[in-house]
C-alpha atoms as a PDB file:
ATOM      1  CA  UNK A   1     120.923 136.540 123.725  1.00  0.00           C
ATOM      2  CA  UNK A   2     119.480 136.844 120.143  1.00  0.00           C
ATOM      3  CA  UNK A   3     116.570 139.228 118.972  1.00  0.00           C
ATOM      4  CA  UNK A   4     114.304 136.216 118.694  1.00  0.00           C
ATOM      5  CA  UNK A   5     115.148 135.200 122.117  1.00  0.00           C
ATOM      6  CA  UNK A   6     114.208 138.409 123.821  1.00  0.00           C
ATOM      7  CA  UNK A   7     110.918 139.107 121.714  1.00  0.00           C
ATOM      8  CA  UNK A   8     110.092 135.371 122.915  1.00  0.00           C
ATOM      9  CA  UNK A   9     110.659 136.520 126.688  1.00  0.00           C
ATOM     10  CA  UNK A  10     108.847 139.999 126.467  1.00  0.00           C
ATOM     11  CA  UNK A  11     105.958 137.822 124.795  1.00  0.00           C
ATOM     12  CA  UNK A  12     106.259 135.386 127.515  1.00  0.00           C
ATOM     13  CA  UNK A  13     105.918 138.096 129.982  1.00  0.00           C
ATOM     14  CA  UNK A  14     103.260 139.885 128.668  1.00  0.00           C
ATOM     15  CA  UNK A  15     101.310 136.551 128.140  1.00  0.00           C
ATOM     16  CA  UNK A  16     101.883 135.732 131.930  1.00  0.00           C
ATOM     17  CA  UNK A  17     100.455 139.883 132.629  1.00  0.00           C
ATOM     18  CA  UNK A  18      97.523 139.171 130.573  1.00  0.00           C
ATOM     19  CA  UNK A  19      96.515 136.002 132.397  1.00  0.00           C
ATOM     20  CA  UNK A  20      96.699 137.534 135.568  1.00  0.00           C
ATOM     21  CA  UNK A  21      94.842 140.231 134.467  1.00  0.00           C
ATOM     22  CA  UNK A  22      92.276 137.486 133.223  1.00  0.00           C
ATOM     23  CA  UNK A  23      92.330 135.687 136.481  1.00  0.00           C
ATOM     24  CA  UNK A  24      91.978 138.665 138.475  1.00  0.00           C
ATOM     25  CA  UNK A  25      88.697 140.301 135.987  1.00  0.00           C
ATOM     26  CA  UNK A  26      87.148 136.548 136.390  1.00  0.00           C
ATOM     27  CA  UNK A  27      87.574 136.697 140.270  1.00  0.00           C
ATOM     28  CA  UNK A  28      86.200 140.158 140.381  1.00  0.00           C
ATOM     29  CA  UNK A  29      83.259 138.820 138.076  1.00  0.00           C
ATOM     30  CA  UNK A  30      82.340 136.307 140.397  1.00  0.00           C
ATOM     31  CA  UNK A  31      82.472 137.911 143.449  1.00  0.00           C
ATOM     32  CA  UNK A  32      80.349 140.748 142.065  1.00  0.00           C
ATOM     33  CA  UNK A  33      78.110 137.905 140.735  1.00  0.00           C
ATOM     34  CA  UNK A  34      78.114 136.544 144.245  1.00  0.00           C
ATOM     35  CA  UNK A  35      77.487 139.329 146.402  1.00  0.00           C
ATOM     36  CA  UNK A  36      74.683 140.073 144.155  1.00  0.00           C
ATOM     37  CA  UNK A  37      73.319 137.002 144.367  1.00  0.00           C
ATOM     38  CA  UNK A  38      73.877 136.310 148.273  1.00  0.00           C
ATOM     39  CA  UNK A  39      74.777 139.732 149.635  1.00  0.00           C
ATOM     40  CA  UNK A  40      78.054 140.742 150.869  1.00  0.00           C
ATOM     41  CA  UNK A  41      80.453 138.036 153.204  1.00  0.00           C
ATOM     42  CA  UNK A  42      81.521 138.028 156.522  1.00  0.00           C
ATOM     43  CA  UNK A  43      84.050 136.250 158.544  1.00  0.00           C
ATOM     44  CA  UNK A  44      82.532 134.490 161.211  1.00  0.00           C
ATOM     45  CA  UNK A  45      83.526 131.589 163.430  1.00  0.00           C
ATOM     46  CA  UNK A  46      81.909 127.920 162.852  1.00  0.00           C
ATOM     47  CA  UNK A  47      82.375 125.043 164.671  1.00  0.00           C
ATOM     48  CA  UNK A  48      85.748 122.534 163.341  1.00  0.00           C
ATOM     49  CA  UNK A  49      83.985 119.613 164.646  1.00  0.00           C
ATOM     50  CA  UNK A  50      80.627 118.398 166.895  1.00  0.00           C
ATOM     51  CA  UNK A  51      81.071 120.287 170.168  1.00  0.00           C
ATOM     52  CA  UNK A  52      78.935 118.767 172.986  1.00  0.00           C
ATOM     53  CA  UNK A  53      76.757 120.411 175.376  1.00  0.00           C
ATOM     54  CA  UNK A  54      78.753 121.785 178.710  1.00  0.00           C
ATOM     55  CA  UNK A  55      81.747 120.997 176.834  1.00  0.00           C
ATOM     56  CA  UNK A  56      84.880 123.598 176.922  1.00  0.00           C
ATOM     57  CA  UNK A  57      85.689 124.983 173.617  1.00  0.00           C
ATOM     58  CA  UNK A  58      89.030 125.267 172.265  1.00  0.00           C
ATOM     59  CA  UNK A  59      91.175 126.654 169.438  1.00  0.00           C
ATOM     60  CA  UNK A  60      91.621 123.581 167.888  1.00  0.00           C
ATOM     61  CA  UNK A  61      87.653 123.074 167.866  1.00  0.00           C
ATOM     62  CA  UNK A  62      86.548 126.138 165.609  1.00  0.00           C
ATOM     63  CA  UNK A  63      87.764 128.297 162.684  1.00  0.00           C
ATOM     64  CA  UNK A  64      86.928 131.466 161.012  1.00  0.00           C
ATOM     65  CA  UNK A  65      85.220 130.923 157.488  1.00  0.00           C
ATOM     66  CA  UNK A  66      83.675 133.395 154.696  1.00  0.00           C
ATOM     67  CA  UNK A  67      79.905 133.284 154.917  1.00  0.00           C
ATOM     68  CA  UNK A  68      76.992 135.410 153.382  1.00  0.00           C
ATOM     69  CA  UNK A  69      76.149 138.723 155.575  1.00  0.00           C
ATOM     70  CA  UNK A  70      72.699 138.247 154.794  1.00  0.00           C
ATOM     71  CA  UNK A  71      72.368 134.487 156.433  1.00  0.00           C
ATOM     72  CA  UNK A  72      74.882 135.765 159.513  1.00  0.00           C
ATOM     73  CA  UNK A  73      73.255 136.036 162.782  1.00  0.00           C
ATOM     74  CA  UNK A  74      73.424 139.159 164.763  1.00  0.00           C
ATOM     75  CA  UNK A  75      75.026 137.786 167.674  1.00  0.00           C
ATOM     76  CA  UNK A  76      77.466 135.493 165.614  1.00  0.00           C
ATOM     77  CA  UNK A  77      81.468 135.349 166.838  1.00  0.00           C
ATOM     78  CA  UNK A  78      83.830 136.786 164.695  1.00  0.00           C
ATOM     79  CA  UNK A  79      87.057 136.075 166.700  1.00  0.00           C
ATOM     80  CA  UNK A  80      87.885 133.240 167.962  1.00  0.00           C
ATOM     81  CA  UNK A  81      89.995 134.476 170.814  1.00  0.00           C
ATOM     82  CA  UNK A  82      86.458 135.535 172.232  1.00  0.00           C
ATOM     83  CA  UNK A  83      84.737 132.489 173.017  1.00  0.00           C
ATOM     84  CA  UNK A  84      88.156 130.447 173.924  1.00  0.00           C
ATOM     85  CA  UNK A  85      87.402 128.888 177.307  1.00  0.00           C
ATOM     86  CA  UNK A  86      83.818 129.173 177.332  1.00  0.00           C
ATOM     87  CA  UNK A  87      81.406 126.057 177.330  1.00  0.00           C
ATOM     88  CA  UNK A  88      78.797 125.609 175.132  1.00  0.00           C
ATOM     89  CA  UNK A  89      75.011 125.646 176.603  1.00  0.00           C
ATOM     90  CA  UNK A  90      73.894 123.746 173.685  1.00  0.00           C
ATOM     91  CA  UNK A  91      74.908 121.015 171.263  1.00  0.00           C
ATOM     92  CA  UNK A  92      77.134 122.651 168.324  1.00  0.00           C
ATOM     93  CA  UNK A  93      77.356 120.989 164.933  1.00  0.00           C
ATOM     94  CA  UNK A  94      80.228 120.896 162.707  1.00  0.00           C
ATOM     95  CA  UNK A  95      80.257 124.012 160.607  1.00  0.00           C
ATOM     96  CA  UNK A  96      77.594 126.187 162.448  1.00  0.00           C
ATOM     97  CA  UNK A  97      77.822 129.560 163.417  1.00  0.00           C
ATOM     98  CA  UNK A  98      78.823 129.841 167.146  1.00  0.00           C
ATOM     99  CA  UNK A  99      76.733 132.777 168.702  1.00  0.00           C
ATOM    100  CA  UNK A 100      76.944 134.394 171.863  1.00  0.00           C
ATOM    101  CA  UNK A 101      73.767 132.810 173.355  1.00  0.00           C
ATOM    102  CA  UNK A 102      74.924 129.171 172.735  1.00  0.00           C
ATOM    103  CA  UNK A 103      77.749 130.002 174.971  1.00  0.00           C
ATOM    104  CA  UNK A 104      78.256 129.897 179.013  1.00  0.00           C
ATOM    105  CA  UNK A 105      81.102 132.072 181.095  1.00  0.00           C
ATOM    106  CA  UNK A 106      82.999 129.196 183.104  1.00  0.00           C
ATOM    107  CA  UNK A 107      81.769 129.652 186.688  1.00  0.00           C
ATOM    108  CA  UNK A 108      79.331 127.708 189.384  1.00  0.00           C
ATOM    109  CA  UNK A 109      76.463 127.148 186.809  1.00  0.00           C
ATOM    110  CA  UNK A 110      79.044 125.386 184.474  1.00  0.00           C
ATOM    111  CA  UNK A 111      81.245 123.428 187.107  1.00  0.00           C
ATOM    112  CA  UNK A 112      84.312 121.755 186.376  1.00  0.00           C
ATOM    113  CA  UNK A 113      83.751 118.136 185.776  1.00  0.00           C
ATOM    114  CA  UNK A 114      84.693 118.614 182.197  1.00  0.00           C
ATOM    115  CA  UNK A 115      88.006 120.044 183.429  1.00  0.00           C
ATOM    116  CA  UNK A 116      88.994 117.074 185.493  1.00  0.00           C
ATOM    117  CA  UNK A 117      91.483 115.072 183.647  1.00  0.00           C
ATOM    118  CA  UNK A 118      90.414 111.278 183.164  1.00  0.00           C
ATOM    119  CA  UNK A 119      91.154 108.892 185.957  1.00  0.00           C
ATOM    120  CA  UNK A 120      91.906 112.057 188.177  1.00  0.00           C
ATOM    121  CA  UNK A 121      89.250 113.395 190.870  1.00  0.00           C
ATOM    122  CA  UNK A 122      88.737 116.760 192.263  1.00  0.00           C
ATOM    123  CA  UNK A 123      88.838 117.444 195.933  1.00  0.00           C
ATOM    124  CA  UNK A 124      88.075 120.821 197.799  1.00  0.00           C
ATOM    125  CA  UNK A 125      90.300 121.817 200.865  1.00  0.00           C
ATOM    126  CA  UNK A 126      89.542 124.488 202.868  1.00  0.00           C
ATOM    127  CA  UNK A 127      92.476 127.355 203.425  1.00  0.00           C
ATOM    128  CA  UNK A 128      93.515 130.581 204.945  1.00  0.00           C
ATOM    129  CA  UNK A 129      95.824 133.357 204.034  1.00  0.00           C
ATOM    130  CA  UNK A 130      98.796 131.422 206.053  1.00  0.00           C
ATOM    131  CA  UNK A 131      98.026 128.040 204.562  1.00  0.00           C
ATOM    132  CA  UNK A 132      97.473 129.324 200.775  1.00  0.00           C
ATOM    133  CA  UNK A 133     100.356 131.429 200.246  1.00  0.00           C
ATOM    134  CA  UNK A 134      98.601 134.391 201.319  1.00  0.00           C
ATOM    135  CA  UNK A 135      95.655 133.784 198.777  1.00  0.00           C
ATOM    136  CA  UNK A 136      98.072 134.678 196.067  1.00  0.00           C
ATOM    137  CA  UNK A 137      96.913 131.310 194.537  1.00  0.00           C
ATOM    138  CA  UNK A 138      94.803 131.381 191.222  1.00  0.00           C
ATOM    139  CA  UNK A 139      92.937 128.545 189.163  1.00  0.00           C
ATOM    140  CA  UNK A 140      95.528 127.137 186.468  1.00  0.00           C
ATOM    141  CA  UNK A 141      98.469 127.476 189.207  1.00  0.00           C
ATOM    142  CA  UNK A 142     100.409 124.392 190.061  1.00  0.00           C
ATOM    143  CA  UNK A 143     101.264 123.735 194.011  1.00  0.00           C
ATOM    144  CA  UNK A 144     103.002 121.170 196.013  1.00  0.00           C
ATOM    145  CA  UNK A 145     100.917 120.266 199.447  1.00  0.00           C
ATOM    146  CA  UNK A 146     102.264 119.200 202.550  1.00  0.00           C
ATOM    147  CA  UNK A 147     100.579 117.626 205.451  1.00  0.00           C
ATOM    148  CA  UNK A 148     101.123 117.444 208.977  1.00  0.00           C
ATOM    149  CA  UNK A 149     100.514 114.521 211.059  1.00  0.00           C
ATOM    150  CA  UNK A 150     100.622 113.676 214.390  1.00  0.00           C
ATOM    151  CA  UNK A 151     101.389 110.071 215.663  1.00  0.00           C
ATOM    152  CA  UNK A 152     101.904 108.095 218.868  1.00  0.00           C
ATOM    153  CA  UNK A 153     100.291 108.828 222.147  1.00  0.00           C
ATOM    154  CA  UNK A 154     101.577 110.348 225.663  1.00  0.00           C
ATOM    155  CA  UNK A 155     105.248 110.803 225.489  1.00  0.00           C
ATOM    156  CA  UNK A 156     105.737 108.810 222.305  1.00  0.00           C
ATOM    157  CA  UNK A 157     103.343 111.593 220.302  1.00  0.00           C
ATOM    158  CA  UNK A 158     105.457 113.606 217.876  1.00  0.00           C
ATOM    159  CA  UNK A 159     104.366 115.651 214.801  1.00  0.00           C
ATOM    160  CA  UNK A 160     105.958 115.025 210.911  1.00  0.00           C
ATOM    161  CA  UNK A 161     105.451 117.036 208.114  1.00  0.00           C
ATOM    162  CA  UNK A 162     105.936 115.832 205.032  1.00  0.00           C
ATOM    163  CA  UNK A 163     105.408 116.422 201.304  1.00  0.00           C
ATOM    164  CA  UNK A 164     102.337 114.793 200.454  1.00  0.00           C
ATOM    165  CA  UNK A 165     101.476 115.739 196.622  1.00  0.00           C
ATOM    166  CA  UNK A 166     103.534 117.660 193.894  1.00  0.00           C
ATOM    167  CA  UNK A 167     102.648 119.456 191.006  1.00  0.00           C
ATOM    168  CA  UNK A 168      99.462 119.661 191.480  1.00  0.00           C
ATOM    169  CA  UNK A 169      97.209 121.638 189.546  1.00  0.00           C
ATOM    170  CA  UNK A 170      94.752 124.268 190.812  1.00  0.00           C
ATOM    171  CA  UNK A 171      91.131 123.852 189.238  1.00  0.00           C
ATOM    172  CA  UNK A 172      89.387 126.551 191.164  1.00  0.00           C
ATOM    173  CA  UNK A 173      89.723 129.144 194.131  1.00  0.00           C
ATOM    174  CA  UNK A 174      86.329 129.457 195.845  1.00  0.00           C
ATOM    175  CA  UNK A 175      83.794 129.588 192.505  1.00  0.00           C
ATOM    176  CA  UNK A 176      86.453 131.125 190.240  1.00  0.00           C
ATOM    177  CA  UNK A 177      87.539 127.904 188.085  1.00  0.00           C
ATOM    178  CA  UNK A 178      89.940 127.444 184.953  1.00  0.00           C
ATOM    179  CA  UNK A 179      89.847 129.742 182.069  1.00  0.00           C
ATOM    180  CA  UNK A 180      87.275 131.870 184.018  1.00  0.00           C
ATOM    181  CA  UNK A 181      86.851 135.320 182.576  1.00  0.00           C
ATOM    182  CA  UNK A 182      88.015 137.296 185.882  1.00  0.00           C
ATOM    183  CA  UNK A 183      85.036 138.995 187.038  1.00  0.00           C
ATOM    184  CA  UNK A 184      81.934 138.262 188.734  1.00  0.00           C
ATOM    185  CA  UNK A 185      78.761 140.258 189.397  1.00  0.00           C
ATOM    186  CA  UNK A 186      76.816 141.265 192.707  1.00  0.00           C
ATOM    187  CA  UNK A 187      73.609 142.807 193.322  1.00  0.00           C
ATOM    188  CA  UNK A 188      74.361 146.571 195.156  1.00  0.00           C
ATOM    189  CA  UNK A 189      72.601 147.427 198.885  1.00  0.00           C
ATOM    190  CA  UNK A 190      69.513 148.154 197.016  1.00  0.00           C
ATOM    191  CA  UNK A 191      69.086 144.586 195.920  1.00  0.00           C
ATOM    192  CA  UNK A 192      68.263 145.958 191.902  1.00  0.00           C
ATOM    193  CA  UNK A 193      71.854 146.860 190.212  1.00  0.00           C
ATOM    194  CA  UNK A 194      74.361 144.585 188.997  1.00  0.00           C
ATOM    195  CA  UNK A 195      78.317 145.650 190.098  1.00  0.00           C
ATOM    196  CA  UNK A 196      80.776 144.021 188.116  1.00  0.00           C
ATOM    197  CA  UNK A 197      83.668 142.772 190.298  1.00  0.00           C
ATOM    198  CA  UNK A 198      87.103 141.913 189.118  1.00  0.00           C
ATOM    199  CA  UNK A 199      88.397 138.492 190.538  1.00  0.00           C
ATOM    200  CA  UNK A 200      91.888 139.322 189.248  1.00  0.00           C
ATOM    201  CA  UNK A 201      93.048 140.347 193.029  1.00  0.00           C
ATOM    202  CA  UNK A 202      89.870 138.282 194.700  1.00  0.00           C
ATOM    203  CA  UNK A 203      91.195 137.252 198.368  1.00  0.00           C
ATOM    204  CA  UNK A 204      87.701 136.585 199.707  1.00  0.00           C
ATOM    205  CA  UNK A 205      87.942 132.474 198.838  1.00  0.00           C
ATOM    206  CA  UNK A 206      88.301 130.147 201.595  1.00  0.00           C
ATOM    207  CA  UNK A 207      88.723 126.764 199.320  1.00  0.00           C
ATOM    208  CA  UNK A 208      90.990 125.807 196.796  1.00  0.00           C
ATOM    209  CA  UNK A 209      89.795 122.738 194.753  1.00  0.00           C
ATOM    210  CA  UNK A 210      92.887 120.656 193.577  1.00  0.00           C
ATOM    211  CA  UNK A 211      93.003 117.611 191.266  1.00  0.00           C
ATOM    212  CA  UNK A 212      94.365 114.087 192.478  1.00  0.00           C
ATOM    213  CA  UNK A 213      94.448 110.331 191.852  1.00  0.00           C
ATOM    214  CA  UNK A 214      91.907 108.208 193.718  1.00  0.00           C
ATOM    215  CA  UNK A 215      94.296 107.264 196.047  1.00  0.00           C
ATOM    216  CA  UNK A 216      95.633 110.995 196.741  1.00  0.00           C
ATOM    217  CA  UNK A 217      92.103 112.084 197.038  1.00  0.00           C
ATOM    218  CA  UNK A 218      91.542 108.832 199.872  1.00  0.00           C
ATOM    219  CA  UNK A 219      94.421 110.641 201.938  1.00  0.00           C
ATOM    220  CA  UNK A 220      93.199 113.847 201.458  1.00  0.00           C
ATOM    221  CA  UNK A 221      90.065 113.008 202.430  1.00  0.00           C
ATOM    222  CA  UNK A 222      91.264 111.192 205.811  1.00  0.00           C
ATOM    223  CA  UNK A 223      93.645 113.916 206.651  1.00  0.00           C
ATOM    224  CA  UNK A 224      90.388 116.485 206.113  1.00  0.00           C
ATOM    225  CA  UNK A 225      88.423 114.326 208.487  1.00  0.00           C
ATOM    226  CA  UNK A 226      90.564 114.763 211.317  1.00  0.00           C
ATOM    227  CA  UNK A 227      92.786 117.743 211.038  1.00  0.00           C
ATOM    228  CA  UNK A 228      91.669 119.705 208.243  1.00  0.00           C
ATOM    229  CA  UNK A 229      93.725 122.656 209.433  1.00  0.00           C
ATOM    230  CA  UNK A 230      97.269 120.470 209.218  1.00  0.00           C
ATOM    231  CA  UNK A 231      97.588 120.680 205.002  1.00  0.00           C
ATOM    232  CA  UNK A 232      99.653 123.818 203.355  1.00  0.00           C
ATOM    233  CA  UNK A 233     100.099 124.955 200.114  1.00  0.00           C
ATOM    234  CA  UNK A 234     103.349 126.110 198.107  1.00  0.00           C
ATOM    235  CA  UNK A 235     103.140 127.769 195.052  1.00  0.00           C
ATOM    236  CA  UNK A 236     105.290 126.811 191.930  1.00  0.00           C
ATOM    237  CA  UNK A 237     106.793 128.669 188.972  1.00  0.00           C
ATOM    238  CA  UNK A 238     104.250 127.265 186.270  1.00  0.00           C
ATOM    239  CA  UNK A 239     107.665 126.405 183.795  1.00  0.00           C
ATOM    240  CA  UNK A 240     108.482 124.314 186.965  1.00  0.00           C
ATOM    241  CA  UNK A 241     106.924 120.785 186.381  1.00  0.00           C
ATOM    242  CA  UNK A 242     109.866 118.710 188.140  1.00  0.00           C
ATOM    243  CA  UNK A 243     108.742 116.146 190.843  1.00  0.00           C
ATOM    244  CA  UNK A 244     111.635 116.110 193.162  1.00  0.00           C
ATOM    245  CA  UNK A 245     112.439 112.721 195.137  1.00  0.00           C
ATOM    246  CA  UNK A 246     110.923 112.217 198.448  1.00  0.00           C
ATOM    247  CA  UNK A 247     112.263 113.834 201.325  1.00  0.00           C
ATOM    248  CA  UNK A 248     112.518 112.841 204.691  1.00  0.00           C
ATOM    249  CA  UNK A 249     109.902 113.731 207.270  1.00  0.00           C
ATOM    250  CA  UNK A 250     110.694 116.717 208.915  1.00  0.00           C
ATOM    251  CA  UNK A 251     110.152 116.736 212.931  1.00  0.00           C
ATOM    252  CA  UNK A 252     111.443 118.498 215.727  1.00  0.00           C
ATOM    253  CA  UNK A 253     114.521 116.315 215.899  1.00  0.00           C
ATOM    254  CA  UNK A 254     115.416 116.860 212.148  1.00  0.00           C
ATOM    255  CA  UNK A 255     114.374 120.504 212.607  1.00  0.00           C
ATOM    256  CA  UNK A 256     116.893 121.244 215.384  1.00  0.00           C
ATOM    257  CA  UNK A 257     119.738 118.981 213.934  1.00  0.00           C
ATOM    258  CA  UNK A 258     119.362 116.088 216.620  1.00  0.00           C
ATOM    259  CA  UNK A 259     120.019 112.506 215.714  1.00  0.00           C
ATOM    260  CA  UNK A 260     116.903 110.797 215.197  1.00  0.00           C
ATOM    261  CA  UNK A 261     116.185 107.579 217.192  1.00  0.00           C
ATOM    262  CA  UNK A 262     114.015 105.168 215.911  1.00  0.00           C
ATOM    263  CA  UNK A 263     111.519 103.926 219.087  1.00  0.00           C
ATOM    264  CA  UNK A 264     110.463 101.153 216.168  1.00  0.00           C
ATOM    265  CA  UNK A 265     113.976  99.760 214.986  1.00  0.00           C
ATOM    266  CA  UNK A 266     114.272  95.974 214.808  1.00  0.00           C
ATOM    267  CA  UNK A 267     115.156  94.237 217.954  1.00  0.00           C
ATOM    268  CA  UNK A 268     118.644  93.224 218.465  1.00  0.00           C
ATOM    269  CA  UNK A 269     119.571  89.470 217.141  1.00  0.00           C
ATOM    270  CA  UNK A 270     119.023  86.921 220.141  1.00  0.00           C
ATOM    271  CA  UNK A 271     122.083  84.653 220.943  1.00  0.00           C
ATOM    272  CA  UNK A 272     120.827  81.062 221.225  1.00  0.00           C
ATOM    273  CA  UNK A 273     121.715  79.072 224.172  1.00  0.00           C
ATOM    274  CA  UNK A 274     124.473  75.795 223.448  1.00  0.00           C
ATOM    275  CA  UNK A 275     123.159  72.875 222.461  1.00  0.00           C
ATOM    276  CA  UNK A 276     124.154  69.985 225.011  1.00  0.00           C
ATOM    277  CA  UNK A 277     124.016  66.489 223.665  1.00  0.00           C
ATOM    278  CA  UNK A 278     123.214  63.491 225.571  1.00  0.00           C
ATOM    279  CA  UNK A 279     126.633  61.296 226.270  1.00  0.00           C
ATOM    280  CA  UNK A 280     125.582  58.889 223.734  1.00  0.00           C
ATOM    281  CA  UNK A 281     125.179  61.129 220.796  1.00  0.00           C
ATOM    282  CA  UNK A 282     128.957  63.035 221.650  1.00  0.00           C
ATOM    283  CA  UNK A 283     131.229  62.280 219.072  1.00  0.00           C
ATOM    284  CA  UNK A 284     134.285  59.697 220.315  1.00  0.00           C
ATOM    285  CA  UNK A 285     137.545  61.772 220.241  1.00  0.00           C
ATOM    286  CA  UNK A 286     140.788  60.196 218.654  1.00  0.00           C
ATOM    287  CA  UNK A 287     143.110  58.885 220.655  1.00  0.00           C
ATOM    288  CA  UNK A 288     146.194  60.420 219.500  1.00  0.00           C
ATOM    289  CA  UNK A 289     144.058  63.782 220.520  1.00  0.00           C
ATOM    290  CA  UNK A 290     142.911  62.835 224.077  1.00  0.00           C
ATOM    291  CA  UNK A 291     144.999  64.998 226.581  1.00  0.00           C
ATOM    292  CA  UNK A 292     147.967  63.573 228.654  1.00  0.00           C
ATOM    293  CA  UNK A 293     146.064  64.186 231.931  1.00  0.00           C
ATOM    294  CA  UNK A 294     142.968  62.241 230.969  1.00  0.00           C
ATOM    295  CA  UNK A 295     145.464  59.255 229.672  1.00  0.00           C
ATOM    296  CA  UNK A 296     146.980  58.538 232.998  1.00  0.00           C
ATOM    297  CA  UNK A 297     146.079  55.654 235.249  1.00  0.00           C
ATOM    298  CA  UNK A 298     146.101  55.505 238.885  1.00  0.00           C
ATOM    299  CA  UNK A 299     147.876  52.130 240.432  1.00  0.00           C
ATOM    300  CA  UNK A 300     147.586  50.999 243.728  1.00  0.00           C
ATOM    301  CA  UNK A 301     150.067  52.597 246.207  1.00  0.00           C
ATOM    302  CA  UNK A 302     149.536  56.150 244.649  1.00  0.00           C
ATOM    303  CA  UNK A 303     152.101  55.731 241.691  1.00  0.00           C
ATOM    304  CA  UNK A 304     150.598  57.424 238.679  1.00  0.00           C
ATOM    305  CA  UNK A 305     152.154  55.751 235.310  1.00  0.00           C
ATOM    306  CA  UNK A 306     151.664  56.442 231.610  1.00  0.00           C
END
């Protein structure tokens, strides 16, 4: 590389550094001017889209933006994670700051209607420790539901257990709903002070609300109206989303390994009686096929000739 090339290279590097310095100086100048006019800035959470009243807020619905500190409300949210899963108490317009006073914690006041998937229904089932996995089920878990159904009467009465629903999402346990901050408040014995109670280990609930199709909801309501204690829950791993093929029902015979005899099996096929045709409709047999005994003729005297 010649001396001219080396000089040009250094000139280019120097020009680049000088341009970077000028750009930095300009940005600092504009920032000082901006701060002088509007004050310092602060990053806050704003709505990325219009959020309707009573709508659950997700991370895709908000973003952070630098705004003048003098125009930021005191209770403005600065970290998006603080509001994810909360419910908008009032409509929030696109670009509007999200403040704490405009949010509600999911619970009995907000309900779970917006958390029910379209075309699905929410159904509440009474539970106890035995039927609800020792009440270790939490909102957001997925479960299988088994039903024990009695059929027949008298000596033919029997109980069968079958998988009624698989991979069912739990919307709520008692009044603790999905995305709910795991806490609740109760008045103390004096009725004046509020005590905060963690719900992470709550086992006081007596109902579980699940999501079901209209047909599944109808079947559940039928069982709830006849034998509400015959529904049982089985807890699934959250990563297990497979729906196994429908298994055969369980009964006393299948549990004991005995052959299952169906009392309602198909009736044996009946044998039709032979059809006897009238004499005039019987087909005539050819002469060469007539047995010899039938072609004998009797003559007077007792002699038989062919």
